[in-house]
Amino acid sequence: MRNDLTTVLTAIDLSHATLRNIKQNLFWAFAYNIIGLPIAMGLLHIFGGPLLNPMFAAAAMSFSSVSVLANALRLRKFKPETINA
């Protein structure tokens, strides 16, 4: 806490950036799973394609988690807008 009221504006900007990041993470996680789950279940095998090894499916799900984490870590580079009075 500080005695400066501009930190309130910084907190609001950070909360907006956090919500935007959450929405991005949800979108990409859902899109990745909508595409990846049918492939992991064997959809490609039904149409003559390869059968996905469970180890590769587990690695793909891990990559999904890592990509969400990497996107969330971008908030560490958050720079508040400067207010010129």
Protein backbone atom coordinates (compact mmCIF):
# COMPACT_ATOMS: atom_id res chain seq x y z
CA MET A 1 0.00 0.00 0.00
CA ARG A 2 1.15 3.48 -0.83
CA ASN A 3 -0.17 6.96 -0.33
CA ASP A 4 -0.41 7.46 -4.10
CA LEU A 5 -3.84 7.23 -5.72
CA THR A 6 -2.38 6.32 -9.10
CA THR A 7 -1.69 2.84 -7.74
CA VAL A 8 -5.45 2.31 -7.76
CA LEU A 9 -5.42 2.89 -11.53
CA THR A 10 -2.50 0.49 -11.85
CA ALA A 11 -4.44 -2.16 -9.91
CA ILE A 12 -7.46 -1.68 -12.18
CA ASP A 13 -5.28 -1.97 -15.30
CA LEU A 14 -3.66 -5.11 -13.92
CA SER A 15 -7.06 -6.64 -13.16
CA HIS A 16 -8.19 -5.95 -16.74
CA ALA A 17 -5.01 -7.56 -18.08
CA THR A 18 -5.55 -10.56 -15.79
CA LEU A 19 -9.14 -11.07 -16.96
CA ARG A 20 -8.06 -10.77 -20.59
CA ASN A 21 -5.37 -13.39 -19.93
CA ILE A 22 -7.88 -15.73 -18.27
CA LYS A 23 -10.18 -15.45 -21.28
CA GLN A 24 -7.30 -16.17 -23.66
CA ASN A 25 -6.28 -19.21 -21.62
CA LEU A 26 -9.82 -20.56 -21.56
CA PHE A 27 -10.23 -20.07 -25.31
CA TRP A 28 -6.97 -21.81 -26.22
CA ALA A 29 -7.47 -24.62 -23.71
CA PHE A 30 -10.97 -25.35 -25.02
CA ALA A 31 -9.85 -25.12 -28.66
CA TYR A 32 -6.88 -27.38 -28.02
CA ASN A 33 -9.02 -29.96 -26.22
CA ILE A 34 -11.81 -29.86 -28.81
CA ILE A 35 -9.24 -30.74 -31.46
CA GLY A 36 -7.02 -33.01 -29.36
CA LEU A 37 -9.53 -35.21 -27.56
CA PRO A 38 -11.10 -36.78 -30.67
CA ILE A 39 -7.61 -37.48 -32.03
CA ALA A 40 -6.61 -39.08 -28.72
CA MET A 41 -9.79 -41.19 -28.76
CA GLY A 42 -8.85 -42.65 -32.15
CA LEU A 43 -10.86 -40.58 -34.61
CA LEU A 44 -8.01 -40.64 -37.12
CA HIS A 45 -7.79 -44.43 -36.84
CA ILE A 46 -11.45 -44.79 -37.86
CA PHE A 47 -10.71 -43.00 -41.15
CA GLY A 48 -7.56 -45.02 -41.87
CA GLY A 49 -5.12 -42.79 -40.04
CA PRO A 50 -2.67 -43.70 -37.33
CA LEU A 51 -3.62 -44.67 -33.81
CA LEU A 52 -2.17 -42.21 -31.30
CA ASN A 53 0.15 -43.71 -28.72
CA PRO A 54 -1.08 -42.88 -25.16
CA MET A 55 2.36 -41.46 -24.31
CA PHE A 56 2.01 -38.90 -27.10
CA ALA A 57 -1.51 -38.06 -25.95
CA ALA A 58 -0.22 -37.47 -22.42
CA ALA A 59 2.59 -35.30 -23.77
CA ALA A 60 0.08 -33.30 -25.81
CA MET A 61 -2.08 -32.71 -22.73
CA SER A 62 1.01 -31.62 -20.82
CA PHE A 63 1.82 -29.19 -23.61
CA SER A 64 -1.67 -27.74 -23.22
CA SER A 65 -0.98 -27.03 -19.56
CA VAL A 66 2.45 -25.60 -20.30
CA SER A 67 1.06 -23.25 -22.95
CA VAL A 68 -1.57 -21.94 -20.51
CA LEU A 69 1.13 -21.42 -17.90
CA ALA A 70 3.42 -19.64 -20.38
CA ASN A 71 0.59 -17.32 -21.39
CA ALA A 72 -0.16 -16.53 -17.75
CA LEU A 73 3.50 -15.74 -17.09
CA ARG A 74 3.27 -12.90 -19.60
CA LEU A 75 1.58 -10.89 -16.83
CA ARG A 76 4.96 -10.60 -15.14
CA LYS A 77 5.91 -8.14 -17.88
CA PHE A 78 2.91 -5.92 -17.10
CA LYS A 79 3.82 -2.23 -17.23
CA PRO A 80 1.27 0.24 -15.89
CA GLU A 81 0.35 3.20 -18.03
CA THR A 82 2.05 6.40 -17.01
CA ILE A 83 -0.17 9.34 -16.18
CA ASN A 84 1.19 12.73 -17.13
CA ALA A 85 -0.34 15.48 -15.10
